[in-house]
Amino acid sequence: MTPENMSLIRRFLSDSQAARLREGELKDDSPLFDFGALDSLNIIELVLFLEDTFGIKTRAHEIVAANFGTIEALVRFVESK
């Protein structure tokens, strides 16, 4: 996993949830849905961010916890595309 990809994704999630998250609170293995960093409304924004930033396409069946559950999972997903 490249640190640059991890940093970009972490920054997007932190920025989009700034009102709910304190600096440094979101860890790479934090469960994003349970932690409140990701919900059904902002997952679309995340998908669009990933597609625009990394030049990938995400199919509906790929939006599952195995790919979107943690920052680490997101990076693995992006790097596998």
Protein backbone atom coordinates (compact mmCIF):
# COMPACT_ATOMS: atom_id res chain seq x y z
CA MET A 1 0.00 0.00 0.00
CA THR A 2 1.47 3.30 -0.99
CA PRO A 3 1.56 5.96 1.72
CA GLU A 4 0.46 8.61 -0.80
CA ASN A 5 -2.79 6.76 -1.60
CA MET A 6 -3.47 6.18 2.07
CA SER A 7 -2.87 9.84 2.85
CA LEU A 8 -5.18 11.06 0.06
CA ILE A 9 -8.03 8.81 1.19
CA ARG A 10 -7.53 9.60 4.88
CA ARG A 11 -7.53 13.35 4.13
CA PHE A 12 -10.73 13.09 2.06
CA LEU A 13 -12.53 11.19 4.82
CA SER A 14 -11.29 13.54 7.53
CA ASP A 15 -12.21 16.64 5.53
CA SER A 16 -15.67 15.34 4.67
CA GLN A 17 -16.39 14.49 8.31
CA ALA A 18 -14.48 17.36 9.96
CA ALA A 19 -17.36 18.28 12.23
CA ARG A 20 -17.50 14.77 13.68
CA LEU A 21 -13.84 13.76 13.79
CA ARG A 22 -10.97 15.15 15.82
CA GLU A 23 -7.49 15.45 14.31
CA GLY A 24 -5.69 12.09 14.34
CA GLU A 25 -8.79 10.20 15.46
CA LEU A 26 -9.25 8.26 12.22
CA LYS A 27 -6.83 5.33 11.97
CA ASP A 28 -6.08 3.22 8.90
CA ASP A 29 -7.86 0.21 10.40
CA SER A 30 -10.80 2.11 11.95
CA PRO A 31 -14.13 0.61 10.84
CA LEU A 32 -15.42 3.53 8.77
CA PHE A 33 -19.15 2.83 9.07
CA ASP A 34 -19.02 2.09 12.82
CA PHE A 35 -16.69 5.03 13.42
CA GLY A 36 -19.04 7.48 11.72
CA ALA A 37 -16.53 8.44 9.02
CA LEU A 38 -18.67 6.91 6.28
CA ASP A 39 -22.41 6.61 5.87
CA SER A 40 -24.89 5.87 3.12
CA LEU A 41 -25.05 9.51 2.08
CA ASN A 42 -21.37 10.32 1.71
CA ILE A 43 -20.36 6.99 0.19
CA ILE A 44 -21.37 8.40 -3.21
CA GLU A 45 -19.01 11.33 -2.66
CA LEU A 46 -16.27 8.87 -1.73
CA VAL A 47 -16.86 6.78 -4.87
CA LEU A 48 -16.70 9.91 -7.02
CA PHE A 49 -13.52 11.03 -5.24
CA LEU A 50 -11.88 7.63 -5.82
CA GLU A 51 -12.88 7.58 -9.48
CA ASP A 52 -11.70 11.15 -10.13
CA THR A 53 -8.51 10.95 -8.09
CA PHE A 54 -7.32 7.49 -9.10
CA GLY A 55 -8.92 7.15 -12.54
CA ILE A 56 -10.84 4.00 -11.64
CA LYS A 57 -14.41 2.84 -12.18
CA THR A 58 -16.39 1.39 -9.29
CA ARG A 59 -19.27 -0.98 -9.88
CA ALA A 60 -22.20 -1.17 -7.47
CA HIS A 61 -21.36 -4.76 -6.44
CA GLU A 62 -17.87 -3.60 -5.36
CA ILE A 63 -19.25 -1.23 -2.70
CA VAL A 64 -19.03 -3.71 0.16
CA ALA A 65 -17.33 -3.72 3.56
CA ALA A 66 -14.44 -5.80 2.22
CA ASN A 67 -13.54 -2.88 -0.08
CA PHE A 68 -14.92 0.12 1.83
CA GLY A 69 -14.73 -0.95 5.48
CA THR A 70 -11.44 0.72 6.44
CA ILE A 71 -8.88 3.06 4.92
CA GLU A 72 -6.61 0.04 4.43
CA ALA A 73 -9.39 -1.78 2.54
CA LEU A 74 -10.01 1.28 0.37
CA VAL A 75 -6.33 1.53 -0.55
CA ARG A 76 -6.20 -2.19 -1.41
CA PHE A 77 -9.32 -1.77 -3.54
CA VAL A 78 -7.94 1.26 -5.41
CA GLU A 79 -4.57 -0.37 -5.97
CA SER A 80 -6.18 -3.55 -7.29
CA LYS A 81 -7.99 -1.63 -10.06
